[in-house]
Every structure is written in structure tokens, then in C-alpha cells.
Amino acid sequence: MDLNRETTLVTTLGGQPQVVTFALDALLARGVAITHLLLIHFASEAPRLQEAIHKVTAEVESSWYGKRPLRLTLFPVATETDALADIHNEADAHTAWEAINGLIIGLKEAHHTLHVCISGGRRILGLMTMSVSMLHFGHQDRLWHMYTPEPWIERSREGALMHLPPGTGFNLIQVPMMPWGSYFPVLRQLTRPLPADGDVLAVPRRLLDEAERGRCTAVTRRLTERQREVLLAFAEGLHPQQVAEKLVISLKTVDSHKTVILAECRNAWNLPDGEWLDYRFIADKFEGLVV
């Protein structure tokens, strides 16, 4: 075991503080040694949010968790230039993504094992956190959502109940998620810094677009002139009969060329032999292509 690795529970928080302690209690009951609790919340002085923060803080400092070392960190969503009290538009969404991205990068660079619960707070805050997690998670990190039976939702609302008794039917559910950054580490590097146009995912998309163009070029170079004409017709969104009419050739000839084109696509995209392809794959990958 890596004694230097800290295990952190990251939760999104709004006006329902019990979401935090429910998740924390469930993980501790599973034997997960949480040593650090981090709350992601809007940079707002709203009374409900401030009361929720106060209740979580008081609970962590109480005797409930005994002598367990549990460090609490608050993370108001903010960058060096912007603090967010809410998300009103796409610019706010990009700012939130950038802030949470920087947070998760810092935690992973410090070798934290992460358990991220996205049940609390505004839904879009959870979506931002999940989006970032897909890039930076390792295989040991986990994303969680929770199920609380309706009667217990009502009883615990606004932190009226901060801990659940046994047998309530509460469940912490692991969200299936591919840690794409672990498989393609270059994606992590491309999330920093923020591009000048404010689109935090522009560079990763551009890299993937260039890779796709490279595959398209590899396919077209291996085709005959007539096969390229068929490919371009499919790229316009035409179905096989329309391609035949456009190029004044038989449907059988179109199908023959399509078989060759799809075989080259299968090689270029390294797709398994058993994966079914049809002309719609060509339209999807080659739309807007000029050969």
C-alpha cells in the first residue's frame, strides 16, 4: 500500500448537506479509508448554501467520526479571474469546467485516490465534475451517485437528518465510466491551459479531428477514382440508390464499391471484423470531405 496516497471524497454541494455525510458514511462502511473531504460548491453567499456548509463542517468536527483523521476543504467554483455564484450561460459553464479541471488535476498530481459523488448541488455542477473526471481518473478512482428512498429524502431534507440508520434502503451506486485519460494520456495534457477563445475542449477536439482526417486520407488514397466518387456521394448523405442515380451506375456497382470502401475504413479505424458497418459510417466520417 502507498502510505503517501491520500484518499479523498469529492462531493458537489448545494442546499442539502446530508448528501455529503450519507456518501461519506457509506464509503466508510465499505472500508474505504477516506482521509480528506472536499466540497465543490458555487461561490455564493446564499443562506441555504452557507447553512449547508456550516452543517457539514460541524459534523466533521463532531464526535461522530471519532478520532478518524478527516481533513475538510471547501472549493468555491472560481478561477483566478472569475468566481461563480451560479451557471447562467455557456461562458459560465466553461469557467466552471476550467476551475474543476484545475482542482482535479491538482489532486491527481498529489497522488490522491478519488471518490467523487455528484448527487449534491445543481445538476450542471455534477455534470461538469463528471466530465472532468473522465479525463483525469485512474483505474482506482470511483464516481458515485446515490439512491435514497423517498420517505428518507423528506425526513433528511435540509440536513434535518445527517446520518441514516441501518435498513433504510439507501444505496451508493458506482457510476460506470471509462477513464479516458488513462487510455489516452495526451487528452489530459490538452486540457491545459484554457484557449484564448474560451472553449476549454477546443484543443482536444482539434487533435481528435486531425486524427480522423488522417484516417480519412489513408482511406481515400487507397481507392480508385470511381470508388472515391462513390465515397463522396455517400459523404453527402445519399443512400445507395441515390448514389447510383447520381453517378449513373447500377446499384450492384455501388454496393461493390461500398464493400471496398468499408473494408478500407475498417483497416484505417482498426475496427474488429465482427463490427457491422454500412454506408452511414461513410457519411458520418467523411461528411464535408473534399478529395
Protein backbone atom coordinates (compact mmCIF):
# COMPACT_ATOMS: atom_id res chain seq x y z
CA MET A 1 0.00 0.00 0.00
CA ASP A 2 1.20 3.51 -0.84
CA LEU A 3 1.28 5.28 2.54
CA ASN A 4 1.71 8.65 0.79
CA ARG A 5 -1.52 8.29 -1.18
CA GLU A 6 -4.42 10.21 0.32
CA THR A 7 -7.98 9.03 -0.28
CA THR A 8 -10.29 11.95 -0.95
CA LEU A 9 -14.07 12.12 -1.17
CA VAL A 10 -15.06 14.94 -3.53
CA THR A 11 -18.73 15.92 -3.39
CA THR A 12 -20.79 18.58 -5.10
CA LEU A 13 -22.83 20.57 -2.60
CA GLY A 14 -25.91 22.76 -2.75
CA GLY A 15 -28.51 23.20 -0.03
CA GLN A 16 -28.68 19.57 1.09
CA PRO A 17 -25.73 18.89 3.43
CA GLN A 18 -26.87 15.37 4.29
CA VAL A 19 -25.85 14.24 0.80
CA VAL A 20 -22.23 14.68 1.85
CA THR A 21 -22.44 12.72 5.08
CA PHE A 22 -24.60 9.99 3.55
CA ALA A 23 -21.91 9.38 0.92
CA LEU A 24 -19.10 9.60 3.46
CA ASP A 25 -20.80 7.18 5.86
CA ALA A 26 -21.49 4.70 3.06
CA LEU A 27 -17.88 4.69 1.88
CA LEU A 28 -16.50 4.35 5.40
CA ALA A 29 -18.89 1.43 5.97
CA ARG A 30 -17.39 -0.24 2.89
CA GLY A 31 -13.94 0.06 4.38
CA VAL A 32 -12.78 2.97 2.21
CA ALA A 33 -10.30 4.94 4.33
CA ILE A 34 -11.37 8.50 3.49
CA THR A 35 -8.90 10.99 4.96
CA HIS A 36 -9.90 14.13 3.06
CA LEU A 37 -13.34 15.55 2.34
CA LEU A 38 -13.58 18.20 -0.37
CA LEU A 39 -16.77 20.13 -1.14
CA ILE A 40 -17.31 21.67 -4.58
CA HIS A 41 -19.88 24.47 -4.39
CA PHE A 42 -20.74 27.76 -6.02
CA ALA A 43 -19.01 30.90 -4.74
CA SER A 44 -22.27 32.20 -3.30
CA GLU A 45 -23.38 33.73 -0.01
CA ALA A 46 -26.85 32.24 -0.42
CA PRO A 47 -28.18 31.38 3.06
CA ARG A 48 -29.12 27.77 2.17
CA LEU A 49 -25.66 27.04 0.83
CA GLN A 50 -23.90 28.69 3.76
CA GLU A 51 -26.07 26.77 6.21
CA ALA A 52 -25.27 23.52 4.37
CA ILE A 53 -21.54 24.25 4.58
CA HIS A 54 -21.90 25.04 8.29
CA LYS A 55 -23.71 21.75 8.96
CA VAL A 56 -21.13 19.65 7.13
CA THR A 57 -18.30 21.45 8.91
CA ALA A 58 -19.92 20.92 12.30
CA GLU A 59 -20.47 17.24 11.56
CA VAL A 60 -16.87 16.67 10.53
CA GLU A 61 -15.68 18.40 13.70
CA SER A 62 -18.11 16.48 15.92
CA SER A 63 -17.52 13.21 17.72
CA TRP A 64 -19.44 11.24 15.09
CA TYR A 65 -16.28 10.30 13.23
CA GLY A 66 -14.31 9.73 16.43
CA LYS A 67 -10.58 10.12 16.18
CA ARG A 68 -10.56 9.45 12.45
CA PRO A 69 -8.23 11.93 10.70
CA LEU A 70 -10.58 13.74 8.33
CA ARG A 71 -9.49 16.97 6.70
CA LEU A 72 -12.19 19.23 5.24
CA THR A 73 -11.56 21.52 2.25
CA LEU A 74 -14.05 23.94 0.70
CA PHE A 75 -13.77 24.62 -3.03
CA PRO A 76 -15.86 27.58 -4.21
CA VAL A 77 -16.01 27.34 -8.00
CA ALA A 78 -13.66 30.07 -9.19
CA THR A 79 -10.66 30.76 -11.41
CA GLU A 80 -8.01 33.43 -10.91
CA THR A 81 -10.26 35.96 -12.63
CA ASP A 82 -13.82 34.70 -12.09
CA ALA A 83 -15.92 33.45 -9.18
CA LEU A 84 -19.22 31.77 -9.98
CA ALA A 85 -22.37 32.16 -7.91
CA ASP A 86 -24.27 30.10 -10.49
CA ILE A 87 -24.12 29.00 -14.13
CA HIS A 88 -26.25 31.21 -16.35
CA ASN A 89 -24.70 30.68 -19.79
CA GLU A 90 -22.02 28.83 -21.74
CA ALA A 91 -19.27 31.21 -20.62
CA ASP A 92 -20.10 30.36 -17.01
CA ALA A 93 -20.07 26.67 -17.90
CA HIS A 94 -16.58 26.97 -19.40
CA THR A 95 -15.39 28.84 -16.30
CA ALA A 96 -16.79 26.13 -14.03
CA TRP A 97 -15.22 23.39 -16.12
CA GLU A 98 -11.84 25.14 -16.05
CA ALA A 99 -11.98 25.57 -12.27
CA ILE A 100 -12.97 21.97 -11.55
CA ASN A 101 -10.46 20.71 -14.10
CA GLY A 102 -7.69 22.56 -12.28
CA LEU A 103 -8.86 21.14 -8.96
CA ILE A 104 -8.86 17.51 -10.14
CA ILE A 105 -5.51 17.95 -11.89
CA GLY A 106 -4.02 19.18 -8.61
CA LEU A 107 -5.45 16.28 -6.62
CA LYS A 108 -4.19 13.68 -9.09
CA GLU A 109 -0.74 15.29 -9.28
CA ALA A 110 -0.66 14.99 -5.47
CA HIS A 111 -1.44 11.26 -5.87
CA HIS A 112 -4.90 11.32 -4.32
CA THR A 113 -7.22 8.37 -4.85
CA LEU A 114 -10.57 9.98 -5.65
CA HIS A 115 -14.13 9.03 -4.79
CA VAL A 116 -16.37 11.61 -6.45
CA CYS A 117 -20.06 11.88 -5.56
CA ILE A 118 -22.17 14.01 -7.91
CA SER A 119 -25.54 13.75 -6.13
CA GLY A 120 -25.45 17.14 -4.40
CA GLY A 121 -25.90 20.68 -5.67
CA ARG A 122 -27.01 21.87 -9.08
CA ARG A 123 -27.14 19.12 -11.69
CA ILE A 124 -24.87 21.02 -14.08
CA LEU A 125 -22.18 21.15 -11.38
CA GLY A 126 -22.28 17.37 -11.19
CA LEU A 127 -22.11 17.11 -14.98
CA MET A 128 -19.04 19.34 -15.08
CA THR A 129 -17.37 17.25 -12.39
CA MET A 130 -18.17 14.03 -14.22
CA SER A 131 -16.82 15.46 -17.49
CA VAL A 132 -13.52 16.36 -15.83
CA SER A 133 -13.31 13.02 -14.03
CA MET A 134 -13.44 11.09 -17.29
CA LEU A 135 -10.21 12.79 -18.34
CA HIS A 136 -8.23 12.54 -15.12
CA PHE A 137 -9.44 9.44 -13.30
CA GLY A 138 -7.16 6.47 -12.86
CA HIS A 139 -8.46 2.93 -12.62
CA GLN A 140 -8.55 3.13 -8.81
CA ASP A 141 -10.82 6.21 -8.77
CA ARG A 142 -14.60 5.96 -8.49
CA LEU A 143 -17.63 8.05 -9.48
CA TRP A 144 -20.73 7.72 -7.28
CA HIS A 145 -24.40 8.61 -7.28
CA MET A 146 -26.85 7.79 -4.53
CA TYR A 147 -30.31 6.36 -4.15
CA THR A 148 -32.33 7.46 -1.13
CA PRO A 149 -35.89 6.14 -0.65
CA GLU A 150 -38.48 8.92 -0.82
CA PRO A 151 -39.52 8.82 2.88
CA TRP A 152 -35.91 9.33 3.93
CA ILE A 153 -35.43 12.14 1.43
CA GLU A 154 -38.23 14.00 3.18
CA ARG A 155 -37.00 13.21 6.70
CA SER A 156 -33.46 14.34 5.97
CA ARG A 157 -34.22 17.38 3.82
CA GLU A 158 -32.10 20.49 4.53
CA GLY A 159 -29.88 18.43 6.83
CA ALA A 160 -32.62 17.60 9.34
CA LEU A 161 -31.01 14.15 9.47
CA MET A 162 -27.30 13.94 8.73
CA HIS A 163 -26.84 10.18 9.21
CA LEU A 164 -29.13 7.31 8.22
CA PRO A 165 -29.96 4.36 10.46
CA PRO A 166 -29.39 0.84 9.09
CA GLY A 167 -32.02 -0.72 6.85
CA THR A 168 -33.32 2.41 5.13
CA GLY A 169 -32.72 1.12 1.61
CA PHE A 170 -30.15 3.82 0.90
CA ASN A 171 -27.54 2.81 -1.65
CA LEU A 172 -24.39 4.41 -3.01
CA ILE A 173 -24.21 3.44 -6.67
CA GLN A 174 -20.97 3.33 -8.64
CA VAL A 175 -21.43 5.06 -11.99
CA PRO A 176 -19.86 3.03 -14.84
CA MET A 177 -17.32 5.29 -16.50
CA MET A 178 -14.32 4.86 -18.79
CA PRO A 179 -11.25 6.77 -17.53
CA TRP A 180 -10.37 8.00 -20.99
CA GLY A 181 -7.36 9.97 -19.80
CA SER A 182 -5.76 6.74 -18.58
CA TYR A 183 -6.08 5.20 -22.02
CA PHE A 184 -5.15 8.37 -23.92
CA PRO A 185 -2.89 10.44 -21.61
CA VAL A 186 -2.43 13.12 -24.26
CA LEU A 187 -6.03 14.20 -23.60
CA ARG A 188 -5.04 15.25 -20.08
CA GLN A 189 -2.23 17.44 -21.35
CA LEU A 190 -4.52 19.10 -23.83
CA THR A 191 -6.90 20.37 -21.15
CA ARG A 192 -4.38 22.99 -20.03
CA PRO A 193 -4.22 25.92 -20.38
CA LEU A 194 -7.53 27.49 -21.37
CA PRO A 195 -7.53 28.50 -25.07
CA ALA A 196 -7.95 32.17 -25.90
CA ASP A 197 -11.40 31.58 -27.39
CA GLY A 198 -12.67 30.28 -24.03
CA ASP A 199 -13.57 26.80 -25.32
CA VAL A 200 -11.89 24.50 -22.80
CA LEU A 201 -12.26 21.43 -25.02
CA ALA A 202 -11.26 23.02 -28.31
CA VAL A 203 -7.72 21.63 -28.36
CA PRO A 204 -8.68 18.02 -27.54
CA ARG A 205 -11.38 18.17 -30.20
CA ARG A 206 -8.91 19.59 -32.71
CA LEU A 207 -6.46 16.77 -32.05
CA LEU A 208 -9.15 14.15 -32.49
CA ASP A 209 -10.38 15.89 -35.65
CA GLU A 210 -6.84 15.77 -37.08
CA ALA A 211 -6.61 12.06 -36.29
CA GLU A 212 -9.93 11.48 -38.04
CA ARG A 213 -8.78 13.44 -41.09
CA GLY A 214 -5.64 11.32 -41.20
CA ARG A 215 -7.72 8.15 -41.30
CA CYS A 216 -9.97 9.60 -43.99
CA THR A 217 -6.92 10.49 -46.10
CA ALA A 218 -5.49 6.99 -45.65
CA VAL A 219 -8.73 5.52 -46.97
CA THR A 220 -9.14 7.80 -49.97
CA ARG A 221 -5.54 7.26 -51.10
CA ARG A 222 -6.22 3.54 -51.47
CA LEU A 223 -9.33 3.97 -53.59
CA THR A 224 -9.76 4.20 -57.33
CA GLU A 225 -11.18 7.36 -58.84
CA ARG A 226 -14.62 5.79 -59.22
CA GLN A 227 -14.54 4.48 -55.63
CA ARG A 228 -13.70 7.99 -54.41
CA GLU A 229 -16.69 9.32 -56.33
CA VAL A 230 -18.92 6.78 -54.59
CA LEU A 231 -17.41 7.71 -51.22
CA LEU A 232 -18.05 11.43 -51.81
CA ALA A 233 -21.65 10.71 -52.77
CA PHE A 234 -22.18 8.78 -49.54
CA ALA A 235 -20.45 11.64 -47.68
CA GLU A 236 -23.20 13.94 -48.98
CA GLY A 237 -25.69 11.82 -47.03
CA LEU A 238 -27.09 9.93 -50.01
CA HIS A 239 -28.33 6.36 -49.65
CA PRO A 240 -27.16 3.65 -52.13
CA GLN A 241 -29.99 4.09 -54.64
CA GLN A 242 -29.42 7.85 -54.74
CA VAL A 243 -25.68 7.28 -55.24
CA ALA A 244 -26.43 5.00 -58.18
CA GLU A 245 -28.70 7.61 -59.75
CA LYS A 246 -26.24 10.45 -59.15
CA LEU A 247 -23.30 8.60 -60.72
CA VAL A 248 -25.41 6.83 -63.37
CA ILE A 249 -24.22 3.38 -62.35
CA SER A 250 -26.03 0.28 -61.18
CA LEU A 251 -26.92 -0.36 -57.55
CA LYS A 252 -24.85 -3.55 -57.77
CA THR A 253 -21.79 -1.49 -58.74
CA VAL A 254 -22.43 0.93 -55.87
CA ASP A 255 -22.60 -1.99 -53.44
CA SER A 256 -19.36 -3.42 -54.82
CA HIS A 257 -17.54 -0.11 -54.35
CA LYS A 258 -19.12 0.33 -50.92
CA THR A 259 -17.73 -3.04 -49.81
CA VAL A 260 -14.21 -1.97 -50.77
CA ILE A 261 -14.58 1.44 -49.10
CA LEU A 262 -15.84 -0.06 -45.84
CA ALA A 263 -13.02 -2.62 -45.83
CA GLU A 264 -10.51 0.23 -46.05
CA CYS A 265 -12.38 2.08 -43.29
CA ARG A 266 -12.24 -1.00 -41.09
CA ASN A 267 -8.46 -1.08 -41.51
CA ALA A 268 -7.97 2.66 -41.01
CA TRP A 269 -10.08 2.79 -37.83
CA ASN A 270 -8.78 -0.59 -36.63
CA LEU A 271 -12.31 -1.93 -36.18
CA PRO A 272 -12.91 -5.61 -35.35
CA ASP A 273 -14.10 -7.86 -38.15
CA GLY A 274 -17.34 -8.58 -36.33
CA GLU A 275 -18.38 -4.93 -36.06
CA TRP A 276 -21.13 -4.14 -38.53
CA LEU A 277 -20.62 -1.19 -40.87
CA ASP A 278 -22.82 0.30 -43.54
CA TYR A 279 -22.92 3.39 -45.75
CA ARG A 280 -23.94 5.56 -42.79
CA PHE A 281 -20.44 5.10 -41.35
CA ILE A 282 -19.06 6.71 -44.51
CA ALA A 283 -21.49 9.62 -44.23
CA ASP A 284 -20.55 10.14 -40.58
CA LYS A 285 -16.78 10.06 -41.03
CA PHE A 286 -16.38 11.75 -44.41
CA GLU A 287 -19.03 14.48 -44.22
CA GLY A 288 -17.67 17.70 -45.72
CA LEU A 289 -14.61 15.95 -47.18
CA VAL A 290 -13.04 17.35 -50.33
CA VAL A 291 -10.84 14.79 -52.10
